[in-house]
Amino acid sequence: MRHIAAYLLLQIGGNASPSADDVQKVLNAVGIESDEDRLEKLISELDGKDVNALIAEGSAKLSSVPSGGAVAASAPAAGGAAPAAAAEEVKEEKKEEKEESDDDMGFGLFD
């Protein structure tokens, strides 16, 4: 990830085609050692490609990935309205817990 971040920083800075040496200089400037193999693979994969197009393509792919709440919603309902009522009760209980939060988190000044 650090290699990609350095590559993108160089792109934003105006270097349209950063080399492996350029990326290494950026990483070394902040005290991070680079992995030569990963860096060479990154440079070879991105050579001749538009980074903005790659980011747009990746964003489109991520938008089609289901997120956390879909599993509970797709569970089969056995009793019709009963699961909905149970879900409402659980939500109400969670709200009450949030309201009763303890500001000192159970630690007193002289404990």
Protein backbone atom coordinates (compact mmCIF):
# COMPACT_ATOMS: atom_id res chain seq x y z
CA MET A 1 0.00 0.00 0.00
CA ARG A 2 2.86 2.37 0.76
CA HIS A 3 4.24 1.88 -2.72
CA ILE A 4 0.92 2.77 -4.31
CA ALA A 5 0.54 5.81 -2.05
CA ALA A 6 4.01 7.08 -2.99
CA TYR A 7 3.30 6.44 -6.69
CA LEU A 8 0.04 8.40 -6.48
CA LEU A 9 1.73 11.26 -4.61
CA LEU A 10 4.28 11.51 -7.39
CA GLN A 11 1.47 11.53 -9.98
CA ILE A 12 -0.36 14.30 -8.14
CA GLY A 13 2.91 16.22 -7.92
CA GLY A 14 3.19 16.28 -11.70
CA ASN A 15 5.32 13.22 -12.50
CA ALA A 16 3.16 11.50 -15.13
CA SER A 17 5.22 8.31 -15.15
CA PRO A 18 7.08 7.76 -11.85
CA SER A 19 9.95 5.27 -11.92
CA ALA A 20 10.92 2.80 -9.21
CA ASP A 21 13.75 5.15 -8.17
CA ASP A 22 11.28 8.02 -7.79
CA VAL A 23 9.03 5.94 -5.54
CA GLN A 24 12.03 4.77 -3.49
CA LYS A 25 13.15 8.38 -2.97
CA VAL A 26 9.72 9.33 -1.63
CA LEU A 27 9.61 6.35 0.72
CA ASN A 28 13.18 6.88 1.92
CA ALA A 29 12.42 10.55 2.61
CA VAL A 30 9.96 9.49 5.31
CA GLY A 31 12.06 6.60 6.64
CA ILE A 32 10.27 3.70 4.97
CA GLU A 33 12.21 0.96 3.25
CA SER A 34 10.70 -0.31 0.02
CA ASP A 35 10.29 -3.89 -1.13
CA GLU A 36 12.12 -4.10 -4.46
CA ASP A 37 10.03 -6.98 -5.83
CA ARG A 38 6.67 -5.39 -5.04
CA LEU A 39 7.83 -2.05 -6.34
CA GLU A 40 9.00 -3.49 -9.65
CA LYS A 41 5.70 -5.39 -10.00
CA LEU A 42 3.73 -2.21 -9.31
CA ILE A 43 5.72 -0.20 -11.86
CA SER A 44 5.35 -2.92 -14.51
CA GLU A 45 1.59 -3.24 -13.90
CA LEU A 46 0.98 0.51 -14.10
CA ASP A 47 3.31 1.17 -17.05
CA GLY A 48 1.39 2.90 -19.84
CA LYS A 49 -1.93 2.96 -17.97
CA ASP A 50 -3.96 5.96 -16.86
CA VAL A 51 -4.18 5.89 -13.06
CA ASN A 52 -7.41 7.92 -13.00
CA ALA A 53 -9.09 5.36 -15.26
CA LEU A 54 -7.86 2.53 -13.03
CA ILE A 55 -9.25 4.25 -9.93
CA ALA A 56 -12.62 4.82 -11.63
CA GLU A 57 -12.74 1.17 -12.72
CA GLY A 58 -11.92 0.00 -9.19
CA SER A 59 -14.57 2.26 -7.69
CA ALA A 60 -17.17 0.80 -10.04
CA LYS A 61 -16.20 -2.71 -8.97
CA LEU A 62 -16.37 -1.79 -5.27
CA SER A 63 -19.86 -0.33 -5.67
CA SER A 64 -21.15 -3.76 -6.70
CA VAL A 65 -19.75 -5.51 -3.61
CA PRO A 66 -22.42 -6.19 -0.96
CA SER A 67 -21.86 -4.56 2.40
CA GLY A 68 -22.47 -5.78 5.98
CA GLY A 69 -26.26 -5.38 6.41
CA ALA A 70 -27.29 -7.54 3.47
CA VAL A 71 -26.89 -10.86 5.30
CA ALA A 72 -29.57 -10.16 7.92
CA ALA A 73 -31.98 -8.75 5.35
CA SER A 74 -31.73 -11.79 3.10
CA ALA A 75 -32.44 -14.33 5.86
CA PRO A 76 -35.72 -16.20 5.21
CA ALA A 77 -38.60 -15.05 7.40
CA ALA A 78 -40.40 -17.96 9.06
CA GLY A 79 -43.20 -16.08 10.80
CA GLY A 80 -43.89 -13.08 8.60
CA ALA A 81 -44.37 -10.10 10.95
CA ALA A 82 -42.81 -11.75 14.01
CA PRO A 83 -39.19 -11.24 12.89
CA ALA A 84 -39.90 -7.58 12.14
CA ALA A 85 -41.30 -7.07 15.64
CA ALA A 86 -38.28 -8.80 17.16
CA ALA A 87 -35.96 -6.55 15.16
CA GLU A 88 -37.78 -3.46 16.46
CA GLU A 89 -37.36 -4.67 20.05
CA VAL A 90 -33.65 -5.18 19.55
CA LYS A 91 -33.28 -1.67 18.09
CA GLU A 92 -35.12 -0.17 21.06
CA GLU A 93 -32.86 -1.98 23.51
CA LYS A 94 -29.76 -0.69 21.74
CA LYS A 95 -31.01 2.89 21.92
CA GLU A 96 -31.50 2.60 25.66
CA GLU A 97 -27.95 1.32 26.13
CA LYS A 98 -26.51 4.32 24.33
CA GLU A 99 -28.48 6.76 26.48
CA GLU A 100 -27.18 5.16 29.69
CA SER A 101 -23.49 5.51 28.83
CA ASP A 102 -21.26 6.31 31.76
CA ASP A 103 -19.07 9.36 31.14
CA ASP A 104 -16.21 8.23 33.39
CA MET A 105 -16.26 4.69 31.94
CA GLY A 106 -16.35 3.12 35.41
CA PHE A 107 -13.17 4.75 36.67
CA GLY A 108 -13.30 7.14 39.57
CA LEU A 109 -10.70 9.74 40.42
CA PHE A 110 -9.71 8.04 43.68
CA ASP A 111 -10.23 4.34 42.79
